[in-house]
Amino acid sequence: MDSASENDGTTPRADLWGGIAWIVVGLVIFWGSWTMDRLPHFHIQFYTVPGLLPGILGAVIALMGVILLGRAIRAGALETVMPGRFAPADHWRLAFTLGWSVCYAGIVVAGLMPFWLSTAIYVALFVIVFQYEER
């Protein structure tokens, strides 16, 4: 039987980087919940401490990232060689996403137009650009 990464089209290398990213996200969430104020002046019970549920969720996310990372390593992610060149023309979707997201963030933070309008334009342009070839 094929592994899940072969069935859904993802590569072991993508799972490797995804696993690392989820571990980092989970640990940041866990750390943020651990450093929250415990509100001892309210004399609350342990199970009602602020940050308990986010801490548990962060730990579970990190654990799932470890599982994904292990699966990627078993599938041979460390054996493949990354290409030695990076051509922006080969990665136009990444470049477009990064550039358009930075523009959107600047417009929203600067308050140049209403949030609902800037978000509608942002989403519409993404749909147009990435779905144009398919339609």
N, C-alpha and C. Protein backbone atom coordinates (compact mmCIF):
# COMPACT_ATOMS: atom_id res chain seq x y z
N MET A 1 0.85 -1.19 0.00
CA MET A 1 0.00 0.00 0.00
C MET A 1 0.88 1.24 0.00
N ASP A 2 0.52 2.26 -0.80
CA ASP A 2 1.30 3.47 -0.89
C ASP A 2 1.12 4.33 0.35
N SER A 3 2.14 5.15 0.63
CA SER A 3 2.03 6.05 1.77
C SER A 3 1.11 7.21 1.40
N ALA A 4 0.66 7.95 2.40
CA ALA A 4 -0.27 9.04 2.15
C ALA A 4 0.36 10.14 1.31
N SER A 5 1.67 10.38 1.48
CA SER A 5 2.30 11.45 0.71
C SER A 5 2.36 11.11 -0.77
N GLU A 6 2.38 9.83 -1.13
CA GLU A 6 2.38 9.45 -2.53
C GLU A 6 0.98 9.55 -3.12
N ASN A 7 -0.04 9.34 -2.31
CA ASN A 7 -1.41 9.38 -2.80
C ASN A 7 -1.91 10.78 -3.05
N ASP A 8 -1.52 11.73 -2.23
CA ASP A 8 -2.06 13.07 -2.38
C ASP A 8 -1.16 14.01 -3.17
N GLY A 9 -0.07 13.52 -3.72
CA GLY A 9 0.77 14.33 -4.58
C GLY A 9 1.86 15.12 -3.88
N THR A 10 1.94 15.07 -2.57
CA THR A 10 3.00 15.79 -1.88
C THR A 10 4.27 14.95 -1.87
N THR A 11 5.39 15.62 -1.76
CA THR A 11 6.67 14.94 -1.74
C THR A 11 7.16 14.78 -0.31
N PRO A 12 8.05 13.84 -0.07
CA PRO A 12 8.62 13.72 1.28
C PRO A 12 9.34 15.01 1.71
N ARG A 13 9.94 15.72 0.77
CA ARG A 13 10.62 16.97 1.10
C ARG A 13 9.62 18.02 1.59
N ALA A 14 8.45 18.08 0.96
CA ALA A 14 7.41 19.02 1.38
C ALA A 14 6.90 18.65 2.77
N ASP A 15 6.73 17.35 3.02
CA ASP A 15 6.31 16.91 4.35
C ASP A 15 7.37 17.23 5.40
N LEU A 16 8.63 17.15 5.03
CA LEU A 16 9.71 17.48 5.96
C LEU A 16 9.61 18.93 6.39
N TRP A 17 9.49 19.84 5.42
CA TRP A 17 9.39 21.26 5.75
C TRP A 17 8.07 21.58 6.45
N GLY A 18 7.01 20.91 6.05
CA GLY A 18 5.72 21.10 6.73
C GLY A 18 5.78 20.65 8.17
N GLY A 19 6.42 19.51 8.42
CA GLY A 19 6.57 19.02 9.78
C GLY A 19 7.36 19.99 10.65
N ILE A 20 8.43 20.52 10.10
CA ILE A 20 9.24 21.49 10.85
C ILE A 20 8.41 22.74 11.15
N ALA A 21 7.65 23.21 10.17
CA ALA A 21 6.83 24.40 10.37
C ALA A 21 5.77 24.16 11.45
N TRP A 22 5.11 22.99 11.42
CA TRP A 22 4.08 22.71 12.43
C TRP A 22 4.68 22.54 13.82
N ILE A 23 5.87 22.00 13.91
CA ILE A 23 6.53 21.90 15.22
C ILE A 23 6.79 23.30 15.77
N VAL A 24 7.30 24.18 14.93
CA VAL A 24 7.58 25.55 15.37
C VAL A 24 6.30 26.25 15.79
N VAL A 25 5.25 26.13 14.98
CA VAL A 25 3.97 26.78 15.31
C VAL A 25 3.42 26.23 16.64
N GLY A 26 3.44 24.92 16.80
CA GLY A 26 2.94 24.32 18.04
C GLY A 26 3.73 24.76 19.26
N LEU A 27 5.05 24.82 19.12
CA LEU A 27 5.87 25.24 20.26
C LEU A 27 5.67 26.71 20.59
N VAL A 28 5.48 27.55 19.59
CA VAL A 28 5.21 28.97 19.85
C VAL A 28 3.88 29.14 20.56
N ILE A 29 2.87 28.41 20.14
CA ILE A 29 1.57 28.46 20.82
C ILE A 29 1.70 27.97 22.26
N PHE A 30 2.41 26.86 22.44
CA PHE A 30 2.59 26.34 23.80
C PHE A 30 3.34 27.33 24.67
N TRP A 31 4.42 27.92 24.14
CA TRP A 31 5.19 28.90 24.91
C TRP A 31 4.33 30.11 25.26
N GLY A 32 3.54 30.59 24.29
CA GLY A 32 2.66 31.74 24.56
C GLY A 32 1.65 31.45 25.65
N SER A 33 1.10 30.25 25.65
CA SER A 33 0.11 29.91 26.68
C SER A 33 0.79 29.69 28.03
N TRP A 34 2.02 29.19 28.02
CA TRP A 34 2.75 28.95 29.27
C TRP A 34 3.10 30.27 29.96
N THR A 35 3.37 31.31 29.17
CA THR A 35 3.78 32.59 29.74
C THR A 35 2.60 33.51 30.04
N MET A 36 1.38 33.04 29.83
CA MET A 36 0.20 33.86 30.16
C MET A 36 0.09 34.04 31.66
N ASP A 37 -0.55 35.14 32.05
CA ASP A 37 -0.80 35.40 33.47
C ASP A 37 -1.72 34.33 34.03
N ARG A 38 -1.37 33.76 35.18
CA ARG A 38 -2.15 32.67 35.78
C ARG A 38 -3.27 33.17 36.67
N LEU A 39 -3.34 34.46 36.89
CA LEU A 39 -4.39 35.08 37.70
C LEU A 39 -4.47 34.47 39.11
N PRO A 40 -3.37 34.43 39.86
CA PRO A 40 -3.42 33.81 41.18
C PRO A 40 -4.27 34.60 42.17
N HIS A 41 -4.46 35.89 41.93
CA HIS A 41 -5.25 36.71 42.84
C HIS A 41 -6.74 36.37 42.80
N PHE A 42 -7.17 35.61 41.80
CA PHE A 42 -8.56 35.17 41.73
C PHE A 42 -8.76 33.81 42.40
N HIS A 43 -7.69 33.14 42.80
CA HIS A 43 -7.74 31.81 43.44
C HIS A 43 -8.57 30.84 42.59
N ILE A 44 -8.22 30.73 41.33
CA ILE A 44 -8.96 29.86 40.42
C ILE A 44 -8.38 28.45 40.45
N GLN A 45 -9.17 27.49 39.99
CA GLN A 45 -8.74 26.10 39.93
C GLN A 45 -7.77 25.90 38.77
N PHE A 46 -6.98 24.84 38.82
CA PHE A 46 -5.98 24.57 37.79
C PHE A 46 -6.60 24.41 36.42
N TYR A 47 -7.72 23.72 36.33
CA TYR A 47 -8.33 23.44 35.03
C TYR A 47 -9.01 24.65 34.42
N THR A 48 -9.09 25.78 35.12
CA THR A 48 -9.65 27.00 34.54
C THR A 48 -8.59 28.07 34.31
N VAL A 49 -7.32 27.70 34.39
CA VAL A 49 -6.22 28.65 34.19
C VAL A 49 -6.23 29.13 32.74
N PRO A 50 -6.10 30.45 32.53
CA PRO A 50 -6.01 30.94 31.15
C PRO A 50 -4.79 30.34 30.45
N GLY A 51 -4.97 29.92 29.25
CA GLY A 51 -3.87 29.36 28.49
C GLY A 51 -3.78 27.85 28.55
N LEU A 52 -4.62 27.20 29.33
CA LEU A 52 -4.55 25.74 29.45
C LEU A 52 -4.92 25.07 28.12
N LEU A 53 -6.06 25.44 27.56
CA LEU A 53 -6.49 24.82 26.30
C LEU A 53 -5.55 25.17 25.15
N PRO A 54 -5.15 26.45 24.98
CA PRO A 54 -4.18 26.72 23.91
C PRO A 54 -2.87 25.98 24.11
N GLY A 55 -2.44 25.79 25.35
CA GLY A 55 -1.22 25.04 25.61
C GLY A 55 -1.34 23.58 25.20
N ILE A 56 -2.48 22.99 25.50
CA ILE A 56 -2.71 21.60 25.10
C ILE A 56 -2.77 21.50 23.58
N LEU A 57 -3.48 22.43 22.94
CA LEU A 57 -3.56 22.42 21.48
C LEU A 57 -2.20 22.64 20.83
N GLY A 58 -1.40 23.55 21.39
CA GLY A 58 -0.06 23.78 20.86
C GLY A 58 0.81 22.55 20.97
N ALA A 59 0.71 21.85 22.11
CA ALA A 59 1.49 20.63 22.28
C ALA A 59 1.04 19.55 21.29
N VAL A 60 -0.26 19.45 21.05
CA VAL A 60 -0.77 18.46 20.09
C VAL A 60 -0.33 18.82 18.67
N ILE A 61 -0.37 20.10 18.33
CA ILE A 61 0.09 20.52 17.01
C ILE A 61 1.57 20.17 16.84
N ALA A 62 2.39 20.44 17.85
CA ALA A 62 3.81 20.10 17.78
C ALA A 62 4.00 18.58 17.66
N LEU A 63 3.20 17.81 18.38
CA LEU A 63 3.29 16.36 18.30
C LEU A 63 2.93 15.87 16.89
N MET A 64 1.90 16.43 16.30
CA MET A 64 1.53 16.06 14.93
C MET A 64 2.63 16.45 13.95
N GLY A 65 3.29 17.57 14.20
CA GLY A 65 4.42 17.97 13.37
C GLY A 65 5.57 16.98 13.48
N VAL A 66 5.81 16.46 14.68
CA VAL A 66 6.85 15.44 14.87
C VAL A 66 6.49 14.18 14.10
N ILE A 67 5.21 13.80 14.14
CA ILE A 67 4.77 12.61 13.40
C ILE A 67 4.95 12.82 11.90
N LEU A 68 4.57 13.99 11.40
CA LEU A 68 4.74 14.30 9.98
C LEU A 68 6.21 14.31 9.60
N LEU A 69 7.05 14.88 10.45
CA LEU A 69 8.48 14.90 10.21
C LEU A 69 9.05 13.49 10.16
N GLY A 70 8.66 12.65 11.09
CA GLY A 70 9.11 11.26 11.09
C GLY A 70 8.67 10.51 9.86
N ARG A 71 7.45 10.73 9.44
CA ARG A 71 6.95 10.08 8.22
C ARG A 71 7.73 10.52 7.00
N ALA A 72 8.07 11.81 6.95
CA ALA A 72 8.84 12.32 5.81
C ALA A 72 10.25 11.73 5.79
N ILE A 73 10.85 11.61 6.95
CA ILE A 73 12.20 11.04 7.01
C ILE A 73 12.17 9.58 6.59
N ARG A 74 11.16 8.83 7.06
CA ARG A 74 11.04 7.43 6.65
C ARG A 74 10.80 7.29 5.15
N ALA A 75 10.14 8.28 4.54
CA ALA A 75 9.85 8.24 3.11
C ALA A 75 11.04 8.67 2.26
N GLY A 76 12.11 9.10 2.91
CA GLY A 76 13.33 9.44 2.17
C GLY A 76 13.54 10.92 1.92
N ALA A 77 12.98 11.78 2.73
CA ALA A 77 13.12 13.23 2.52
C ALA A 77 14.56 13.70 2.64
N LEU A 78 15.34 13.04 3.47
CA LEU A 78 16.72 13.47 3.66
C LEU A 78 17.64 12.93 2.58
N GLU A 79 17.16 11.99 1.79
CA GLU A 79 17.98 11.39 0.74
C GLU A 79 17.92 12.17 -0.57
N THR A 80 16.86 12.93 -0.77
CA THR A 80 16.73 13.68 -2.02
C THR A 80 17.63 14.91 -1.97
N VAL A 81 18.04 15.34 -3.14
CA VAL A 81 18.91 16.51 -3.25
C VAL A 81 18.08 17.69 -3.75
N MET A 82 18.23 18.82 -3.08
CA MET A 82 17.51 20.02 -3.52
C MET A 82 18.19 20.60 -4.74
N PRO A 83 17.45 21.21 -5.65
CA PRO A 83 18.07 21.83 -6.82
C PRO A 83 18.98 22.97 -6.40
N GLY A 84 20.04 23.15 -7.18
CA GLY A 84 21.04 24.15 -6.83
C GLY A 84 20.71 25.56 -7.28
N ARG A 85 19.66 25.74 -8.05
CA ARG A 85 19.36 27.08 -8.54
C ARG A 85 17.95 27.48 -8.11
N PHE A 86 17.75 28.77 -8.07
CA PHE A 86 16.42 29.31 -7.75
C PHE A 86 16.11 30.38 -8.79
N ALA A 87 15.20 30.09 -9.67
CA ALA A 87 14.80 31.05 -10.69
C ALA A 87 13.41 31.59 -10.34
N PRO A 88 13.29 32.91 -10.19
CA PRO A 88 11.98 33.48 -9.83
C PRO A 88 10.89 33.13 -10.84
N ALA A 89 11.24 32.95 -12.10
CA ALA A 89 10.22 32.61 -13.11
C ALA A 89 9.62 31.23 -12.83
N ASP A 90 10.40 30.35 -12.21
CA ASP A 90 9.89 29.03 -11.88
C ASP A 90 8.95 29.06 -10.67
N HIS A 91 9.02 30.11 -9.90
CA HIS A 91 8.26 30.21 -8.65
C HIS A 91 7.42 31.49 -8.64
N TRP A 92 6.74 31.76 -9.73
CA TRP A 92 5.99 33.00 -9.84
C TRP A 92 4.84 33.06 -8.84
N ARG A 93 4.26 31.92 -8.50
CA ARG A 93 3.16 31.93 -7.53
C ARG A 93 3.64 32.39 -6.16
N LEU A 94 4.80 31.92 -5.76
CA LEU A 94 5.38 32.34 -4.48
C LEU A 94 5.68 33.84 -4.51
N ALA A 95 6.30 34.31 -5.59
CA ALA A 95 6.64 35.73 -5.69
C ALA A 95 5.38 36.59 -5.70
N PHE A 96 4.36 36.18 -6.45
CA PHE A 96 3.12 36.94 -6.49
C PHE A 96 2.45 36.98 -5.11
N THR A 97 2.39 35.83 -4.46
CA THR A 97 1.75 35.76 -3.14
C THR A 97 2.47 36.66 -2.15
N LEU A 98 3.78 36.60 -2.13
CA LEU A 98 4.55 37.43 -1.21
C LEU A 98 4.35 38.91 -1.50
N GLY A 99 4.48 39.30 -2.75
CA GLY A 99 4.33 40.71 -3.11
C GLY A 99 2.94 41.24 -2.85
N TRP A 100 1.92 40.50 -3.26
CA TRP A 100 0.55 40.95 -3.10
C TRP A 100 0.15 40.98 -1.62
N SER A 101 0.64 40.05 -0.82
CA SER A 101 0.33 40.04 0.61
C SER A 101 0.97 41.23 1.32
N VAL A 102 2.18 41.58 0.93
CA VAL A 102 2.85 42.74 1.52
C VAL A 102 2.09 44.02 1.14
N CYS A 103 1.67 44.13 -0.11
CA CYS A 103 0.87 45.29 -0.53
C CYS A 103 -0.43 45.37 0.26
N TYR A 104 -1.11 44.25 0.39
CA TYR A 104 -2.38 44.21 1.14
C TYR A 104 -2.17 44.64 2.59
N ALA A 105 -1.12 44.10 3.22
CA ALA A 105 -0.84 44.46 4.62
C ALA A 105 -0.56 45.95 4.74
N GLY A 106 0.19 46.50 3.80
CA GLY A 106 0.48 47.93 3.84
C GLY A 106 -0.77 48.78 3.70
N ILE A 107 -1.66 48.36 2.80
CA ILE A 107 -2.91 49.10 2.60
C ILE A 107 -3.79 49.03 3.85
N VAL A 108 -3.88 47.86 4.46
CA VAL A 108 -4.71 47.69 5.65
C VAL A 108 -4.14 48.47 6.84
N VAL A 109 -2.83 48.36 7.05
CA VAL A 109 -2.20 49.04 8.19
C VAL A 109 -2.27 50.55 8.01
N ALA A 110 -2.04 51.04 6.79
CA ALA A 110 -2.07 52.48 6.55
C ALA A 110 -3.49 53.04 6.54
N GLY A 111 -4.48 52.17 6.39
CA GLY A 111 -5.87 52.61 6.39
C GLY A 111 -6.24 53.38 5.13
N LEU A 112 -5.66 53.00 3.99
CA LEU A 112 -5.91 53.71 2.74
C LEU A 112 -7.29 53.47 2.17
N MET A 113 -7.92 52.35 2.54
CA MET A 113 -9.28 52.06 2.09
C MET A 113 -9.95 51.20 3.16
N PRO A 114 -11.26 51.10 3.14
CA PRO A 114 -11.94 50.29 4.15
C PRO A 114 -11.47 48.84 4.12
N PHE A 115 -11.46 48.22 5.28
CA PHE A 115 -10.99 46.84 5.41
C PHE A 115 -11.76 45.89 4.51
N TRP A 116 -13.09 46.01 4.50
CA TRP A 116 -13.90 45.09 3.70
C TRP A 116 -13.58 45.20 2.22
N LEU A 117 -13.31 46.42 1.73
CA LEU A 117 -13.01 46.62 0.32
C LEU A 117 -11.63 46.08 -0.03
N SER A 118 -10.65 46.38 0.80
CA SER A 118 -9.30 45.89 0.52
C SER A 118 -9.23 44.37 0.58
N THR A 119 -9.96 43.76 1.51
CA THR A 119 -9.97 42.31 1.62
C THR A 119 -10.69 41.68 0.42
N ALA A 120 -11.78 42.28 -0.02
CA ALA A 120 -12.49 41.76 -1.18
C ALA A 120 -11.61 41.82 -2.44
N ILE A 121 -10.89 42.92 -2.62
CA ILE A 121 -9.99 43.03 -3.77
C ILE A 121 -8.85 42.02 -3.66
N TYR A 122 -8.31 41.87 -2.46
CA TYR A 122 -7.22 40.92 -2.22
C TYR A 122 -7.63 39.49 -2.58
N VAL A 123 -8.77 39.06 -2.08
CA VAL A 123 -9.24 37.70 -2.35
C VAL A 123 -9.61 37.53 -3.82
N ALA A 124 -10.28 38.52 -4.38
CA ALA A 124 -10.70 38.43 -5.78
C ALA A 124 -9.49 38.31 -6.71
N LEU A 125 -8.45 39.09 -6.46
CA LEU A 125 -7.27 39.02 -7.31
C LEU A 125 -6.58 37.66 -7.20
N PHE A 126 -6.55 37.11 -5.98
CA PHE A 126 -5.99 35.78 -5.82
C PHE A 126 -6.77 34.75 -6.64
N VAL A 127 -8.07 34.80 -6.56
CA VAL A 127 -8.89 33.84 -7.30
C VAL A 127 -8.69 34.02 -8.80
N ILE A 128 -8.66 35.25 -9.26
CA ILE A 128 -8.48 35.50 -10.69
C ILE A 128 -7.12 35.00 -11.16
N VAL A 129 -6.06 35.33 -10.44
CA VAL A 129 -4.71 34.97 -10.87
C VAL A 129 -4.49 33.46 -10.84
N PHE A 130 -4.91 32.82 -9.77
CA PHE A 130 -4.59 31.40 -9.63
C PHE A 130 -5.60 30.47 -10.28
N GLN A 131 -6.78 30.94 -10.62
CA GLN A 131 -7.77 30.10 -11.26
C GLN A 131 -7.93 30.40 -12.76
N TYR A 132 -7.23 31.40 -13.27
CA TYR A 132 -7.40 31.81 -14.67
C TYR A 132 -7.11 30.69 -15.65
N GLU A 133 -5.99 29.97 -15.47
CA GLU A 133 -5.62 28.90 -16.39
C GLU A 133 -6.63 27.76 -16.39
N GLU A 134 -7.21 27.47 -15.23
CA GLU A 134 -8.15 26.36 -15.12
C GLU A 134 -9.51 26.70 -15.74
N ARG A 135 -9.82 27.96 -15.78
CA ARG A 135 -11.14 28.37 -16.29
C ARG A 135 -11.01 28.84 -17.72
